[in-house]
Amino acid sequence: MCQERKKLDLIRSQNVQQKGGTTMANVFEENDINNEISYLSQKWIEAKQLEEKWKTVRVDIENKLISLKKIDANSPGSHLLDHGLKVSCKLNRKWKNEFLKENMDTLSMLGEACPFKLEFKEDKKKMDALELYNKEIHLKLQDGVDIYPAKPSFSIKGDK
């Protein structure tokens, strides 16, 4: 790849771009970009495959360490292992939304002391329907939304 790049740089330095026309340097630059995209795409796929392989290896090692150290995941706390490796265990809580909806009256009586935050999550299909069938309300709701680009996501075509 480096020798190709040196050749292209030499050709570019020797050619002067013609106004309104395509020079050899432009053609080589486009080919160079396409080659680089192809090369980097292949490297990404290889890196992703290695990542998946090593994740499996890491998880297997974690399970063996937990077993050998007889760590109880149901018992919150930290365990120090060799080489500064630390294993932390905690308990997560997941509330049942249906239960909370049924007890909304009780929760609302607590006011500011209520131990739950109310958060709204958009139902995209219903919002799209609202845009089609009730443009006035949809337009009014647009004042409350910020739209920004998500982090680009990479995947292999056909891979789910």
C-alpha atoms as a PDB file:
ATOM      1  CA  MET A   1       0.000   0.000   0.000  1.00  0.00           C
ATOM      2  CA  CYS A   2       2.896   2.395   0.800  1.00  0.00           C
ATOM      3  CA  GLN A   3       4.601   1.934  -2.598  1.00  0.00           C
ATOM      4  CA  GLU A   4       1.285   2.517  -4.383  1.00  0.00           C
ATOM      5  CA  ARG A   5       0.815   5.695  -2.376  1.00  0.00           C
ATOM      6  CA  LYS A   6       4.353   6.917  -3.231  1.00  0.00           C
ATOM      7  CA  LYS A   7       3.693   6.316  -6.938  1.00  0.00           C
ATOM      8  CA  LEU A   8       0.416   8.217  -6.732  1.00  0.00           C
ATOM      9  CA  ASP A   9       2.054  11.108  -4.876  1.00  0.00           C
ATOM     10  CA  LEU A  10       4.760  11.277  -7.575  1.00  0.00           C
ATOM     11  CA  ILE A  11       2.154  11.303 -10.362  1.00  0.00           C
ATOM     12  CA  ARG A  12       0.143  13.969  -8.549  1.00  0.00           C
ATOM     13  CA  SER A  13       3.196  16.174  -8.140  1.00  0.00           C
ATOM     14  CA  GLN A  14       4.035  15.839 -11.850  1.00  0.00           C
ATOM     15  CA  ASN A  15       0.528  16.528 -13.158  1.00  0.00           C
ATOM     16  CA  VAL A  16      -1.183  19.878 -12.992  1.00  0.00           C
ATOM     17  CA  GLN A  17      -4.964  19.754 -12.738  1.00  0.00           C
ATOM     18  CA  GLN A  18      -6.653  21.085 -15.861  1.00  0.00           C
ATOM     19  CA  LYS A  19      -9.637  23.347 -15.372  1.00  0.00           C
ATOM     20  CA  GLY A  20     -12.895  21.513 -16.050  1.00  0.00           C
ATOM     21  CA  GLY A  21     -11.098  18.301 -17.036  1.00  0.00           C
ATOM     22  CA  THR A  22      -9.915  15.101 -15.429  1.00  0.00           C
ATOM     23  CA  THR A  23      -6.209  14.459 -15.071  1.00  0.00           C
ATOM     24  CA  MET A  24      -4.439  11.172 -14.475  1.00  0.00           C
ATOM     25  CA  ALA A  25      -3.837  12.376 -10.918  1.00  0.00           C
ATOM     26  CA  ASN A  26      -7.609  12.673 -10.336  1.00  0.00           C
ATOM     27  CA  VAL A  27      -8.203   9.157 -11.651  1.00  0.00           C
ATOM     28  CA  PHE A  28      -5.402   7.721  -9.524  1.00  0.00           C
ATOM     29  CA  GLU A  29      -6.648   9.626  -6.463  1.00  0.00           C
ATOM     30  CA  GLU A  30     -10.153   8.177  -6.893  1.00  0.00           C
ATOM     31  CA  ASN A  31      -8.707   4.675  -7.369  1.00  0.00           C
ATOM     32  CA  ASP A  32      -6.533   5.190  -4.296  1.00  0.00           C
ATOM     33  CA  ILE A  33      -9.561   6.186  -2.211  1.00  0.00           C
ATOM     34  CA  ASN A  34     -11.557   3.188  -3.482  1.00  0.00           C
ATOM     35  CA  ASN A  35      -8.622   0.851  -2.726  1.00  0.00           C
ATOM     36  CA  GLU A  36      -8.279   2.332   0.759  1.00  0.00           C
ATOM     37  CA  ILE A  37     -12.022   1.933   1.439  1.00  0.00           C
ATOM     38  CA  SER A  38     -11.866  -1.686   0.283  1.00  0.00           C
ATOM     39  CA  TYR A  39      -8.761  -2.359   2.390  1.00  0.00           C
ATOM     40  CA  LEU A  40     -10.215  -0.718   5.524  1.00  0.00           C
ATOM     41  CA  SER A  41     -13.569  -2.493   5.073  1.00  0.00           C
ATOM     42  CA  GLN A  42     -11.772  -5.847   4.983  1.00  0.00           C
ATOM     43  CA  LYS A  43      -9.682  -4.893   8.041  1.00  0.00           C
ATOM     44  CA  TRP A  44     -12.854  -3.896   9.927  1.00  0.00           C
ATOM     45  CA  ILE A  45     -14.429  -7.306   9.202  1.00  0.00           C
ATOM     46  CA  GLU A  46     -11.277  -9.072  10.380  1.00  0.00           C
ATOM     47  CA  ALA A  47     -11.127  -6.955  13.545  1.00  0.00           C
ATOM     48  CA  LYS A  48     -14.815  -7.649  14.288  1.00  0.00           C
ATOM     49  CA  GLN A  49     -14.249 -11.392  13.915  1.00  0.00           C
ATOM     50  CA  LEU A  50     -11.245 -11.228  16.256  1.00  0.00           C
ATOM     51  CA  GLU A  51     -13.249  -9.152  18.725  1.00  0.00           C
ATOM     52  CA  GLU A  52     -16.028 -11.770  18.810  1.00  0.00           C
ATOM     53  CA  LYS A  53     -13.503 -14.593  19.210  1.00  0.00           C
ATOM     54  CA  TRP A  54     -11.669 -12.873  22.054  1.00  0.00           C
ATOM     55  CA  LYS A  55     -14.916 -11.875  23.767  1.00  0.00           C
ATOM     56  CA  THR A  56     -15.854 -15.571  23.909  1.00  0.00           C
ATOM     57  CA  VAL A  57     -12.404 -16.386  25.315  1.00  0.00           C
ATOM     58  CA  ARG A  58     -12.699 -13.589  27.909  1.00  0.00           C
ATOM     59  CA  VAL A  59     -16.157 -14.692  29.053  1.00  0.00           C
ATOM     60  CA  ASP A  60     -14.938 -18.297  29.406  1.00  0.00           C
ATOM     61  CA  ILE A  61     -12.006 -17.085  31.538  1.00  0.00           C
ATOM     62  CA  GLU A  62     -14.345 -14.958  33.673  1.00  0.00           C
ATOM     63  CA  ASN A  63     -16.601 -17.970  34.294  1.00  0.00           C
ATOM     64  CA  LYS A  64     -13.607 -20.141  35.268  1.00  0.00           C
ATOM     65  CA  LEU A  65     -12.307 -17.466  37.666  1.00  0.00           C
ATOM     66  CA  ILE A  66     -15.749 -17.132  39.285  1.00  0.00           C
ATOM     67  CA  SER A  67     -15.909 -20.901  39.682  1.00  0.00           C
ATOM     68  CA  LEU A  68     -12.352 -21.304  41.020  1.00  0.00           C
ATOM     69  CA  LYS A  69     -12.705 -18.399  43.473  1.00  0.00           C
ATOM     70  CA  LYS A  70     -16.214 -19.650  44.427  1.00  0.00           C
ATOM     71  CA  ILE A  71     -17.709 -16.188  43.904  1.00  0.00           C
ATOM     72  CA  ASP A  72     -21.457 -15.981  44.557  1.00  0.00           C
ATOM     73  CA  ALA A  73     -22.998 -13.549  42.053  1.00  0.00           C
ATOM     74  CA  ASN A  74     -26.024 -13.248  44.379  1.00  0.00           C
ATOM     75  CA  SER A  75     -23.830 -11.754  47.087  1.00  0.00           C
ATOM     76  CA  PRO A  76     -22.941  -8.087  46.449  1.00  0.00           C
ATOM     77  CA  GLY A  77     -19.302  -7.149  46.965  1.00  0.00           C
ATOM     78  CA  SER A  78     -15.848  -7.002  45.425  1.00  0.00           C
ATOM     79  CA  HIS A  79     -13.200  -9.683  45.117  1.00  0.00           C
ATOM     80  CA  LEU A  80      -9.543  -8.932  44.373  1.00  0.00           C
ATOM     81  CA  LEU A  81      -7.637 -11.454  42.286  1.00  0.00           C
ATOM     82  CA  ASP A  82      -4.039 -11.610  41.101  1.00  0.00           C
ATOM     83  CA  HIS A  83      -2.541  -8.899  38.874  1.00  0.00           C
ATOM     84  CA  GLY A  84      -4.951  -6.254  40.193  1.00  0.00           C
ATOM     85  CA  LEU A  85      -8.003  -7.925  38.651  1.00  0.00           C
ATOM     86  CA  LYS A  86     -11.177  -7.011  40.536  1.00  0.00           C
ATOM     87  CA  VAL A  87     -14.507  -8.838  40.298  1.00  0.00           C
ATOM     88  CA  SER A  88     -17.534  -6.794  41.393  1.00  0.00           C
ATOM     89  CA  CYS A  89     -20.934  -8.333  42.076  1.00  0.00           C
ATOM     90  CA  LYS A  90     -24.143  -6.399  42.551  1.00  0.00           C
ATOM     91  CA  LEU A  91     -27.874  -6.985  42.439  1.00  0.00           C
ATOM     92  CA  ASN A  92     -29.993  -5.194  39.855  1.00  0.00           C
ATOM     93  CA  ARG A  93     -33.622  -4.247  40.359  1.00  0.00           C
ATOM     94  CA  LYS A  94     -36.186  -4.205  37.611  1.00  0.00           C
ATOM     95  CA  TRP A  95     -39.639  -2.934  38.445  1.00  0.00           C
ATOM     96  CA  LYS A  96     -42.725  -4.317  36.753  1.00  0.00           C
ATOM     97  CA  ASN A  97     -44.288  -1.471  34.769  1.00  0.00           C
ATOM     98  CA  GLU A  98     -47.757  -2.995  34.951  1.00  0.00           C
ATOM     99  CA  PHE A  99     -47.568  -3.083  38.765  1.00  0.00           C
ATOM    100  CA  LEU A 100     -46.419   0.543  38.893  1.00  0.00           C
ATOM    101  CA  LYS A 101     -49.249   1.649  36.569  1.00  0.00           C
ATOM    102  CA  GLU A 102     -51.782  -0.122  38.804  1.00  0.00           C
ATOM    103  CA  ASN A 103     -50.358   1.691  41.852  1.00  0.00           C
ATOM    104  CA  MET A 104     -50.085   5.142  40.276  1.00  0.00           C
ATOM    105  CA  ASP A 105     -52.560   6.652  42.775  1.00  0.00           C
ATOM    106  CA  THR A 106     -50.425   5.550  45.716  1.00  0.00           C
ATOM    107  CA  LEU A 107     -47.246   6.801  44.062  1.00  0.00           C
ATOM    108  CA  SER A 108     -48.715  10.182  43.109  1.00  0.00           C
ATOM    109  CA  MET A 109     -49.701  10.784  46.748  1.00  0.00           C
ATOM    110  CA  LEU A 110     -45.979  10.812  47.605  1.00  0.00           C
ATOM    111  CA  GLY A 111     -45.388  13.916  45.466  1.00  0.00           C
ATOM    112  CA  GLU A 112     -41.707  14.914  45.441  1.00  0.00           C
ATOM    113  CA  ALA A 113     -40.887  11.929  47.707  1.00  0.00           C
ATOM    114  CA  CYS A 114     -41.950   9.480  44.995  1.00  0.00           C
ATOM    115  CA  PRO A 115     -38.991   7.119  44.410  1.00  0.00           C
ATOM    116  CA  PHE A 116     -39.643   6.849  40.652  1.00  0.00           C
ATOM    117  CA  LYS A 117     -38.957   9.159  37.731  1.00  0.00           C
ATOM    118  CA  LEU A 118     -41.548   9.352  35.018  1.00  0.00           C
ATOM    119  CA  GLU A 119     -39.912   9.149  31.609  1.00  0.00           C
ATOM    120  CA  PHE A 120     -41.498   9.220  28.188  1.00  0.00           C
ATOM    121  CA  LYS A 121     -40.359   6.994  25.355  1.00  0.00           C
ATOM    122  CA  GLU A 122     -41.510   7.638  21.813  1.00  0.00           C
ATOM    123  CA  ASP A 123     -43.457   4.950  19.987  1.00  0.00           C
ATOM    124  CA  LYS A 124     -42.135   5.670  16.475  1.00  0.00           C
ATOM    125  CA  LYS A 125     -44.987   3.868  14.672  1.00  0.00           C
ATOM    126  CA  LYS A 126     -47.635   5.855  16.564  1.00  0.00           C
ATOM    127  CA  MET A 127     -45.718   9.092  16.000  1.00  0.00           C
ATOM    128  CA  ASP A 128     -45.553   8.373  12.263  1.00  0.00           C
ATOM    129  CA  ALA A 129     -49.313   7.712  12.268  1.00  0.00           C
ATOM    130  CA  LEU A 130     -49.893  10.949  14.170  1.00  0.00           C
ATOM    131  CA  GLU A 131     -47.879  12.819  11.542  1.00  0.00           C
ATOM    132  CA  LEU A 132     -50.103  11.364   8.809  1.00  0.00           C
ATOM    133  CA  TYR A 133     -53.495  11.704  10.468  1.00  0.00           C
ATOM    134  CA  ASN A 134     -53.184  14.639  12.851  1.00  0.00           C
ATOM    135  CA  LYS A 135     -50.582  17.023  11.496  1.00  0.00           C
ATOM    136  CA  GLU A 136     -51.625  19.860  13.848  1.00  0.00           C
ATOM    137  CA  ILE A 137     -50.824  17.920  17.047  1.00  0.00           C
ATOM    138  CA  HIS A 138     -47.731  16.414  15.453  1.00  0.00           C
ATOM    139  CA  LEU A 139     -46.460  19.883  14.535  1.00  0.00           C
ATOM    140  CA  LYS A 140     -47.119  21.166  18.068  1.00  0.00           C
ATOM    141  CA  LEU A 141     -45.122  18.271  19.556  1.00  0.00           C
ATOM    142  CA  GLN A 142     -42.106  19.073  17.363  1.00  0.00           C
ATOM    143  CA  ASP A 143     -41.196  21.939  19.711  1.00  0.00           C
ATOM    144  CA  GLY A 144     -40.302  19.319  22.320  1.00  0.00           C
ATOM    145  CA  VAL A 145     -37.926  17.207  20.248  1.00  0.00           C
ATOM    146  CA  ASP A 146     -34.240  17.599  19.454  1.00  0.00           C
ATOM    147  CA  ILE A 147     -33.045  15.608  16.451  1.00  0.00           C
ATOM    148  CA  TYR A 148     -29.357  14.792  16.193  1.00  0.00           C
ATOM    149  CA  PRO A 149     -27.263  12.183  14.391  1.00  0.00           C
ATOM    150  CA  ALA A 150     -26.629   8.889  16.120  1.00  0.00           C
ATOM    151  CA  LYS A 151     -23.166   7.367  16.228  1.00  0.00           C
ATOM    152  CA  PRO A 152     -22.608   5.535  12.930  1.00  0.00           C
ATOM    153  CA  SER A 153     -23.225   1.821  13.280  1.00  0.00           C
ATOM    154  CA  PHE A 154     -21.214  -0.765  11.388  1.00  0.00           C
ATOM    155  CA  SER A 155     -22.416  -4.274  10.557  1.00  0.00           C
ATOM    156  CA  ILE A 156     -21.790  -6.974   8.020  1.00  0.00           C
ATOM    157  CA  LYS A 157     -24.559  -7.185   5.405  1.00  0.00           C
ATOM    158  CA  GLY A 158     -26.783 -10.194   6.094  1.00  0.00           C
ATOM    159  CA  ASP A 159     -25.468 -10.470   9.676  1.00  0.00           C
ATOM    160  CA  LYS A 160     -27.976  -9.855  12.460  1.00  0.00           C
END
